[in-house]
Amino acid sequence: MSVKTPAAIDAHHLTVRFGRETVLDDVTFSLARGEIVAVIGPNGSGKTTLLQAVLGLQPYEGIIRVFGKPVRETLGRIGYVPQRFAFDRTFPLTVGEFLRLRGAKPKHRDWRQAVLAEVNLTGGESQPVGELSGGELQRLLIANALMGEPELLLLDEPTAGVDVAGERGFYELVAHLHRSHQMTVLMVSHDLAMVARQATKIICLNRELVCFGPPAQAIAPDVLRQLYGEGAHIAAHHPH
């Protein structure tokens, strides 16, 4: 009898409360390995909180399993790209030094160079981090996540503050990494046009699970109205 491969993420009756406020209410979904899944919803809908729960950074009620195990046992298999990365741009830190700061087991120089090449950061390890553009900084954060050779990549609105051209290139990079590394990707995004093109499934959140399914189902006008209100369906058809 064959053994069923555990899902990349299994969440059952996931609930998160901040004091008396319920931020996520009874959310249940399952992500198969190898999927690229987008999380959409209005501001304050619990998208970032969901990622924090999967990372073990946010207390929750219910059950989360990553690759069939409790979150704390799988953190080494997860890469994470945060929504914002605040740092002093005058601090004398190079790209190579940044990649060596992550605290994981040391990687050889050729591995760092290979990762930088894959994310199209061509300035090399000696380039000061403070001189990177917004798009280049996000690529560096992806390179940092790839240093641990993750099986699951979490991205929280990774193109915030990036121009339109950089945004398009960034999502193309994520799609390439998804294919070449056979990773599962869970990504928060406001770009409904990108979501429609690239995601295999979409989680629609508004503090509760409004919809979970393929793009044709999840960005249907009635679902978008539940998420964003009247007129929101227009955004799905006009990439910015």
C-alpha atoms as a PDB file:
ATOM      1  CA  MET A   1       0.000   0.000   0.000  1.00  0.00           C
ATOM      2  CA  SER A   2       1.457   3.372  -1.018  1.00  0.00           C
ATOM      3  CA  VAL A   3       2.042   6.041   1.618  1.00  0.00           C
ATOM      4  CA  LYS A   4       0.376   9.370   0.917  1.00  0.00           C
ATOM      5  CA  THR A   5       2.841  12.258   0.625  1.00  0.00           C
ATOM      6  CA  PRO A   6       2.090  14.891   3.291  1.00  0.00           C
ATOM      7  CA  ALA A   7       0.848  18.249   2.056  1.00  0.00           C
ATOM      8  CA  ALA A   8       3.226  21.198   2.085  1.00  0.00           C
ATOM      9  CA  ILE A   9       0.865  23.018   4.471  1.00  0.00           C
ATOM     10  CA  ASP A  10      -2.194  21.667   6.248  1.00  0.00           C
ATOM     11  CA  ALA A  11      -4.169  24.182   8.314  1.00  0.00           C
ATOM     12  CA  HIS A  12      -7.230  23.072  10.265  1.00  0.00           C
ATOM     13  CA  HIS A  13      -9.557  25.475  12.096  1.00  0.00           C
ATOM     14  CA  LEU A  14      -6.778  28.068  12.340  1.00  0.00           C
ATOM     15  CA  THR A  15      -7.813  30.960  14.568  1.00  0.00           C
ATOM     16  CA  VAL A  16      -5.682  33.903  15.698  1.00  0.00           C
ATOM     17  CA  ARG A  17      -6.784  36.467  18.247  1.00  0.00           C
ATOM     18  CA  PHE A  18      -5.182  39.744  19.306  1.00  0.00           C
ATOM     19  CA  GLY A  19      -6.754  40.210  22.706  1.00  0.00           C
ATOM     20  CA  ARG A  20     -10.507  40.233  22.088  1.00  0.00           C
ATOM     21  CA  GLU A  21     -10.100  40.821  18.356  1.00  0.00           C
ATOM     22  CA  THR A  22     -10.270  37.790  16.056  1.00  0.00           C
ATOM     23  CA  VAL A  23      -7.840  38.314  13.170  1.00  0.00           C
ATOM     24  CA  LEU A  24      -8.226  34.863  11.581  1.00  0.00           C
ATOM     25  CA  ASP A  25     -11.378  32.880  12.222  1.00  0.00           C
ATOM     26  CA  ASP A  26     -11.572  29.105  11.678  1.00  0.00           C
ATOM     27  CA  VAL A  27      -9.447  28.958   8.505  1.00  0.00           C
ATOM     28  CA  THR A  28      -8.912  25.518   6.935  1.00  0.00           C
ATOM     29  CA  PHE A  29      -6.947  24.729   3.757  1.00  0.00           C
ATOM     30  CA  SER A  30      -4.351  22.326   2.360  1.00  0.00           C
ATOM     31  CA  LEU A  31      -1.506  23.132  -0.048  1.00  0.00           C
ATOM     32  CA  ALA A  32      -0.087  20.313  -2.133  1.00  0.00           C
ATOM     33  CA  ARG A  33       3.658  20.209  -2.673  1.00  0.00           C
ATOM     34  CA  GLY A  34       4.855  22.099  -5.713  1.00  0.00           C
ATOM     35  CA  GLU A  35       1.981  24.567  -5.893  1.00  0.00           C
ATOM     36  CA  ILE A  36       2.338  28.334  -6.179  1.00  0.00           C
ATOM     37  CA  VAL A  37      -0.437  29.793  -4.043  1.00  0.00           C
ATOM     38  CA  ALA A  38      -1.354  33.458  -3.640  1.00  0.00           C
ATOM     39  CA  VAL A  39      -3.052  35.003  -0.616  1.00  0.00           C
ATOM     40  CA  ILE A  40      -5.287  37.990  -1.378  1.00  0.00           C
ATOM     41  CA  GLY A  41      -7.601  40.184   0.662  1.00  0.00           C
ATOM     42  CA  PRO A  42      -8.048  43.771   1.873  1.00  0.00           C
ATOM     43  CA  ASN A  43      -5.782  45.450   4.398  1.00  0.00           C
ATOM     44  CA  GLY A  44      -6.280  43.977   7.855  1.00  0.00           C
ATOM     45  CA  SER A  45      -7.697  40.713   6.503  1.00  0.00           C
ATOM     46  CA  GLY A  46      -5.089  38.493   8.201  1.00  0.00           C
ATOM     47  CA  LYS A  47      -2.738  37.786   5.289  1.00  0.00           C
ATOM     48  CA  THR A  48       0.522  38.582   7.091  1.00  0.00           C
ATOM     49  CA  THR A  49      -0.808  36.945  10.251  1.00  0.00           C
ATOM     50  CA  LEU A  50      -1.353  33.730   8.286  1.00  0.00           C
ATOM     51  CA  LEU A  51       2.280  33.669   7.152  1.00  0.00           C
ATOM     52  CA  GLN A  52       3.476  34.439  10.676  1.00  0.00           C
ATOM     53  CA  ALA A  53       1.456  31.511  12.015  1.00  0.00           C
ATOM     54  CA  VAL A  54       2.978  29.151   9.424  1.00  0.00           C
ATOM     55  CA  LEU A  55       6.428  30.394  10.494  1.00  0.00           C
ATOM     56  CA  GLY A  56       5.659  29.763  14.156  1.00  0.00           C
ATOM     57  CA  LEU A  57       5.928  33.486  14.954  1.00  0.00           C
ATOM     58  CA  GLN A  58       2.286  33.965  15.908  1.00  0.00           C
ATOM     59  CA  PRO A  59       0.352  32.020  18.574  1.00  0.00           C
ATOM     60  CA  TYR A  60      -2.777  30.377  17.184  1.00  0.00           C
ATOM     61  CA  GLU A  61      -5.594  27.981  17.916  1.00  0.00           C
ATOM     62  CA  GLY A  62      -6.144  24.974  15.683  1.00  0.00           C
ATOM     63  CA  ILE A  63      -3.578  22.884  13.826  1.00  0.00           C
ATOM     64  CA  ILE A  64      -0.844  23.719  11.310  1.00  0.00           C
ATOM     65  CA  ARG A  65       1.313  20.992   9.801  1.00  0.00           C
ATOM     66  CA  VAL A  66       4.175  21.698   7.394  1.00  0.00           C
ATOM     67  CA  PHE A  67       5.241  18.640   5.409  1.00  0.00           C
ATOM     68  CA  GLY A  68       3.223  16.596   7.888  1.00  0.00           C
ATOM     69  CA  LYS A  69       5.078  17.862  10.969  1.00  0.00           C
ATOM     70  CA  PRO A  70       4.634  20.609  13.567  1.00  0.00           C
ATOM     71  CA  VAL A  71       5.943  23.985  12.415  1.00  0.00           C
ATOM     72  CA  ARG A  72       8.836  24.046  14.894  1.00  0.00           C
ATOM     73  CA  GLU A  73      10.256  20.866  13.338  1.00  0.00           C
ATOM     74  CA  THR A  74      10.286  22.208   9.774  1.00  0.00           C
ATOM     75  CA  LEU A  75      11.647  25.759  10.037  1.00  0.00           C
ATOM     76  CA  GLY A  76      14.885  24.707   8.345  1.00  0.00           C
ATOM     77  CA  ARG A  77      12.872  23.777   5.250  1.00  0.00           C
ATOM     78  CA  ILE A  78      11.176  27.184   4.957  1.00  0.00           C
ATOM     79  CA  GLY A  79      12.484  30.352   3.301  1.00  0.00           C
ATOM     80  CA  TYR A  80      10.874  33.705   4.089  1.00  0.00           C
ATOM     81  CA  VAL A  81      10.898  37.080   2.312  1.00  0.00           C
ATOM     82  CA  PRO A  82       9.326  39.794   4.513  1.00  0.00           C
ATOM     83  CA  GLN A  83       7.133  42.642   3.336  1.00  0.00           C
ATOM     84  CA  ARG A  84       9.554  45.291   4.506  1.00  0.00           C
ATOM     85  CA  PHE A  85      13.186  45.190   5.496  1.00  0.00           C
ATOM     86  CA  ALA A  86      14.251  48.269   7.437  1.00  0.00           C
ATOM     87  CA  PHE A  87      17.943  48.977   7.878  1.00  0.00           C
ATOM     88  CA  ASP A  88      20.370  51.878   8.028  1.00  0.00           C
ATOM     89  CA  ARG A  89      21.529  52.390   4.444  1.00  0.00           C
ATOM     90  CA  THR A  90      24.706  54.056   5.688  1.00  0.00           C
ATOM     91  CA  PHE A  91      25.763  50.893   7.529  1.00  0.00           C
ATOM     92  CA  PRO A  92      28.845  49.457   5.749  1.00  0.00           C
ATOM     93  CA  LEU A  93      27.488  46.022   4.854  1.00  0.00           C
ATOM     94  CA  THR A  94      28.144  44.243   1.569  1.00  0.00           C
ATOM     95  CA  VAL A  95      25.894  41.786  -0.220  1.00  0.00           C
ATOM     96  CA  GLY A  96      28.217  38.899   0.639  1.00  0.00           C
ATOM     97  CA  GLU A  97      28.360  39.883   4.311  1.00  0.00           C
ATOM     98  CA  PHE A  98      24.572  40.099   4.417  1.00  0.00           C
ATOM     99  CA  LEU A  99      24.236  36.551   3.085  1.00  0.00           C
ATOM    100  CA  ARG A 100      26.691  35.291   5.709  1.00  0.00           C
ATOM    101  CA  LEU A 101      24.645  36.853   8.532  1.00  0.00           C
ATOM    102  CA  ARG A 102      21.674  34.514   8.306  1.00  0.00           C
ATOM    103  CA  GLY A 103      23.029  32.176  10.975  1.00  0.00           C
ATOM    104  CA  ALA A 104      22.632  28.964   8.992  1.00  0.00           C
ATOM    105  CA  LYS A 105      25.484  26.588   8.311  1.00  0.00           C
ATOM    106  CA  PRO A 106      28.216  28.319   6.297  1.00  0.00           C
ATOM    107  CA  LYS A 107      27.946  28.113   2.530  1.00  0.00           C
ATOM    108  CA  HIS A 108      30.869  28.156   0.149  1.00  0.00           C
ATOM    109  CA  ARG A 109      31.564  31.269  -1.907  1.00  0.00           C
ATOM    110  CA  ASP A 110      30.636  29.518  -5.147  1.00  0.00           C
ATOM    111  CA  TRP A 111      27.181  28.708  -3.735  1.00  0.00           C
ATOM    112  CA  ARG A 112      26.597  32.343  -2.771  1.00  0.00           C
ATOM    113  CA  GLN A 113      27.659  33.447  -6.229  1.00  0.00           C
ATOM    114  CA  ALA A 114      25.356  30.887  -7.846  1.00  0.00           C
ATOM    115  CA  VAL A 115      22.397  32.114  -5.795  1.00  0.00           C
ATOM    116  CA  LEU A 116      23.137  35.762  -6.626  1.00  0.00           C
ATOM    117  CA  ALA A 117      23.344  34.889 -10.313  1.00  0.00           C
ATOM    118  CA  GLU A 118      20.026  33.057 -10.153  1.00  0.00           C
ATOM    119  CA  VAL A 119      18.238  36.098  -8.736  1.00  0.00           C
ATOM    120  CA  ASN A 120      19.977  38.368 -11.282  1.00  0.00           C
ATOM    121  CA  LEU A 121      22.014  40.373  -8.778  1.00  0.00           C
ATOM    122  CA  THR A 122      25.034  41.059 -10.938  1.00  0.00           C
ATOM    123  CA  GLY A 123      26.882  43.528  -8.710  1.00  0.00           C
ATOM    124  CA  GLY A 124      28.671  40.756  -6.857  1.00  0.00           C
ATOM    125  CA  GLU A 125      29.288  40.120  -3.177  1.00  0.00           C
ATOM    126  CA  SER A 126      31.288  43.307  -2.704  1.00  0.00           C
ATOM    127  CA  GLN A 127      28.393  45.625  -3.612  1.00  0.00           C
ATOM    128  CA  PRO A 128      27.173  47.708  -0.628  1.00  0.00           C
ATOM    129  CA  VAL A 129      23.646  46.784   0.432  1.00  0.00           C
ATOM    130  CA  GLY A 130      22.869  50.482   0.928  1.00  0.00           C
ATOM    131  CA  GLU A 131      23.330  51.113  -2.800  1.00  0.00           C
ATOM    132  CA  LEU A 132      20.722  48.570  -3.907  1.00  0.00           C
ATOM    133  CA  SER A 133      17.443  49.735  -5.431  1.00  0.00           C
ATOM    134  CA  GLY A 134      14.154  48.554  -3.949  1.00  0.00           C
ATOM    135  CA  GLY A 135      13.892  45.775  -6.525  1.00  0.00           C
ATOM    136  CA  GLU A 136      17.509  44.705  -6.008  1.00  0.00           C
ATOM    137  CA  LEU A 137      17.014  44.595  -2.250  1.00  0.00           C
ATOM    138  CA  GLN A 138      14.025  42.282  -2.669  1.00  0.00           C
ATOM    139  CA  ARG A 139      16.130  40.029  -4.896  1.00  0.00           C
ATOM    140  CA  LEU A 140      18.791  39.968  -2.193  1.00  0.00           C
ATOM    141  CA  LEU A 141      16.161  38.903   0.344  1.00  0.00           C
ATOM    142  CA  ILE A 142      15.135  36.067  -1.982  1.00  0.00           C
ATOM    143  CA  ALA A 143      18.806  35.083  -2.342  1.00  0.00           C
ATOM    144  CA  ASN A 144      19.047  35.056   1.441  1.00  0.00           C
ATOM    145  CA  ALA A 145      16.016  32.763   1.643  1.00  0.00           C
ATOM    146  CA  LEU A 146      17.503  30.453  -1.009  1.00  0.00           C
ATOM    147  CA  MET A 147      20.739  30.041   0.957  1.00  0.00           C
ATOM    148  CA  GLY A 148      18.954  27.511   3.151  1.00  0.00           C
ATOM    149  CA  GLU A 149      17.762  25.522   0.105  1.00  0.00           C
ATOM    150  CA  PRO A 150      14.106  25.704   1.225  1.00  0.00           C
ATOM    151  CA  GLU A 151      11.311  23.433   0.090  1.00  0.00           C
ATOM    152  CA  LEU A 152       8.687  26.041   0.997  1.00  0.00           C
ATOM    153  CA  LEU A 153       9.062  29.747   0.171  1.00  0.00           C
ATOM    154  CA  LEU A 154       6.869  32.340   1.895  1.00  0.00           C
ATOM    155  CA  LEU A 155       6.697  35.882   0.504  1.00  0.00           C
ATOM    156  CA  ASP A 156       4.782  38.731   2.151  1.00  0.00           C
ATOM    157  CA  GLU A 157       3.881  41.366  -0.470  1.00  0.00           C
ATOM    158  CA  PRO A 158       7.405  41.171  -1.874  1.00  0.00           C
ATOM    159  CA  THR A 159       6.977  43.988  -4.424  1.00  0.00           C
ATOM    160  CA  ALA A 160       5.871  46.730  -2.019  1.00  0.00           C
ATOM    161  CA  GLY A 161       7.821  49.855  -2.973  1.00  0.00           C
ATOM    162  CA  VAL A 162       9.112  48.364  -6.240  1.00  0.00           C
ATOM    163  CA  ASP A 163       8.414  50.091  -9.578  1.00  0.00           C
ATOM    164  CA  VAL A 164       6.218  48.472 -12.244  1.00  0.00           C
ATOM    165  CA  ALA A 165       9.086  47.072 -14.319  1.00  0.00           C
ATOM    166  CA  GLY A 166      10.805  45.706 -11.230  1.00  0.00           C
ATOM    167  CA  GLU A 167       7.532  44.213 -10.024  1.00  0.00           C
ATOM    168  CA  ARG A 168       6.972  42.338 -13.270  1.00  0.00           C
ATOM    169  CA  GLY A 169      10.536  41.022 -13.278  1.00  0.00           C
ATOM    170  CA  PHE A 170      10.259  39.977  -9.648  1.00  0.00           C
ATOM    171  CA  TYR A 171       7.183  37.837 -10.235  1.00  0.00           C
ATOM    172  CA  GLU A 172       8.843  36.257 -13.262  1.00  0.00           C
ATOM    173  CA  LEU A 173      11.791  35.395 -11.011  1.00  0.00           C
ATOM    174  CA  VAL A 174       9.489  33.788  -8.439  1.00  0.00           C
ATOM    175  CA  ALA A 175       7.868  31.690 -11.175  1.00  0.00           C
ATOM    176  CA  HIS A 176      11.327  30.617 -12.394  1.00  0.00           C
ATOM    177  CA  LEU A 177      12.452  29.634  -8.890  1.00  0.00           C
ATOM    178  CA  HIS A 178       9.212  27.735  -8.358  1.00  0.00           C
ATOM    179  CA  ARG A 179       9.877  25.669 -11.467  1.00  0.00           C
ATOM    180  CA  SER A 180      13.634  25.209 -11.190  1.00  0.00           C
ATOM    181  CA  HIS A 181      13.735  24.361  -7.471  1.00  0.00           C
ATOM    182  CA  GLN A 182      10.388  22.535  -7.389  1.00  0.00           C
ATOM    183  CA  MET A 183       9.470  24.580  -4.337  1.00  0.00           C
ATOM    184  CA  THR A 184       6.054  25.225  -2.905  1.00  0.00           C
ATOM    185  CA  VAL A 185       5.389  28.979  -2.875  1.00  0.00           C
ATOM    186  CA  LEU A 186       2.910  30.816  -0.636  1.00  0.00           C
ATOM    187  CA  MET A 187       2.808  34.511  -1.502  1.00  0.00           C
ATOM    188  CA  VAL A 188       0.751  37.464  -0.284  1.00  0.00           C
ATOM    189  CA  SER A 189      -0.039  39.832  -3.151  1.00  0.00           C
ATOM    190  CA  HIS A 190      -2.289  42.760  -4.065  1.00  0.00           C
ATOM    191  CA  ASP A 191      -1.619  42.284  -7.788  1.00  0.00           C
ATOM    192  CA  LEU A 192      -4.695  40.406  -8.981  1.00  0.00           C
ATOM    193  CA  ALA A 193      -3.508  40.358 -12.597  1.00  0.00           C
ATOM    194  CA  MET A 194      -0.288  38.600 -11.578  1.00  0.00           C
ATOM    195  CA  VAL A 195      -2.217  36.234  -9.346  1.00  0.00           C
ATOM    196  CA  ALA A 196      -4.503  35.285 -12.224  1.00  0.00           C
ATOM    197  CA  ARG A 197      -1.494  34.495 -14.446  1.00  0.00           C
ATOM    198  CA  GLN A 198       0.835  32.650 -12.104  1.00  0.00           C
ATOM    199  CA  ALA A 199      -0.934  31.102  -9.125  1.00  0.00           C
ATOM    200  CA  THR A 200      -2.217  27.540  -9.221  1.00  0.00           C
ATOM    201  CA  LYS A 201      -4.558  28.322  -6.320  1.00  0.00           C
ATOM    202  CA  ILE A 202      -5.637  31.407  -4.402  1.00  0.00           C
ATOM    203  CA  ILE A 203      -6.519  31.840  -0.730  1.00  0.00           C
ATOM    204  CA  CYS A 204      -9.056  34.667  -0.347  1.00  0.00           C
ATOM    205  CA  LEU A 205      -9.029  36.052   3.187  1.00  0.00           C
ATOM    206  CA  ASN A 206     -11.168  38.585   4.963  1.00  0.00           C
ATOM    207  CA  ARG A 207     -10.424  37.394   8.491  1.00  0.00           C
ATOM    208  CA  GLU A 208     -12.156  34.195   7.456  1.00  0.00           C
ATOM    209  CA  LEU A 209     -11.666  31.995   4.417  1.00  0.00           C
ATOM    210  CA  VAL A 210     -13.875  33.487   1.701  1.00  0.00           C
ATOM    211  CA  CYS A 211     -12.605  31.211  -1.072  1.00  0.00           C
ATOM    212  CA  PHE A 212      -9.818  28.713  -1.774  1.00  0.00           C
ATOM    213  CA  GLY A 213      -9.432  27.447  -5.303  1.00  0.00           C
ATOM    214  CA  PRO A 214      -8.009  28.040  -8.785  1.00  0.00           C
ATOM    215  CA  PRO A 215      -7.836  31.624 -10.133  1.00  0.00           C
ATOM    216  CA  ALA A 216     -10.968  31.312 -12.272  1.00  0.00           C
ATOM    217  CA  GLN A 217     -12.952  30.530  -9.129  1.00  0.00           C
ATOM    218  CA  ALA A 218     -11.174  32.769  -6.637  1.00  0.00           C
ATOM    219  CA  ILE A 219     -11.152  36.026  -8.603  1.00  0.00           C
ATOM    220  CA  ALA A 220     -14.706  35.734  -9.844  1.00  0.00           C
ATOM    221  CA  PRO A 221     -16.638  39.014  -9.420  1.00  0.00           C
ATOM    222  CA  ASP A 222     -18.843  37.732  -6.586  1.00  0.00           C
ATOM    223  CA  VAL A 223     -15.801  36.600  -4.570  1.00  0.00           C
ATOM    224  CA  LEU A 224     -13.970  39.894  -5.118  1.00  0.00           C
ATOM    225  CA  ARG A 225     -17.038  41.821  -3.981  1.00  0.00           C
ATOM    226  CA  GLN A 226     -17.013  39.826  -0.736  1.00  0.00           C
ATOM    227  CA  LEU A 227     -13.356  40.741  -0.270  1.00  0.00           C
ATOM    228  CA  TYR A 228     -13.117  44.326  -1.446  1.00  0.00           C
ATOM    229  CA  GLY A 229     -16.621  45.685  -2.013  1.00  0.00           C
ATOM    230  CA  GLU A 230     -18.423  46.786  -5.177  1.00  0.00           C
ATOM    231  CA  GLY A 231     -16.319  47.528  -8.270  1.00  0.00           C
ATOM    232  CA  ALA A 232     -13.277  45.560  -7.128  1.00  0.00           C
ATOM    233  CA  HIS A 233     -13.604  42.983  -9.928  1.00  0.00           C
ATOM    234  CA  ILE A 234     -12.246  45.580 -12.370  1.00  0.00           C
ATOM    235  CA  ALA A 235      -8.788  45.388 -10.779  1.00  0.00           C
ATOM    236  CA  ALA A 236      -8.398  41.754 -11.754  1.00  0.00           C
ATOM    237  CA  HIS A 237      -8.370  42.650 -15.446  1.00  0.00           C
ATOM    238  CA  HIS A 238      -6.073  45.666 -15.472  1.00  0.00           C
ATOM    239  CA  PRO A 239      -2.469  44.953 -14.440  1.00  0.00           C
ATOM    240  CA  HIS A 240      -0.593  47.964 -13.095  1.00  0.00           C
END
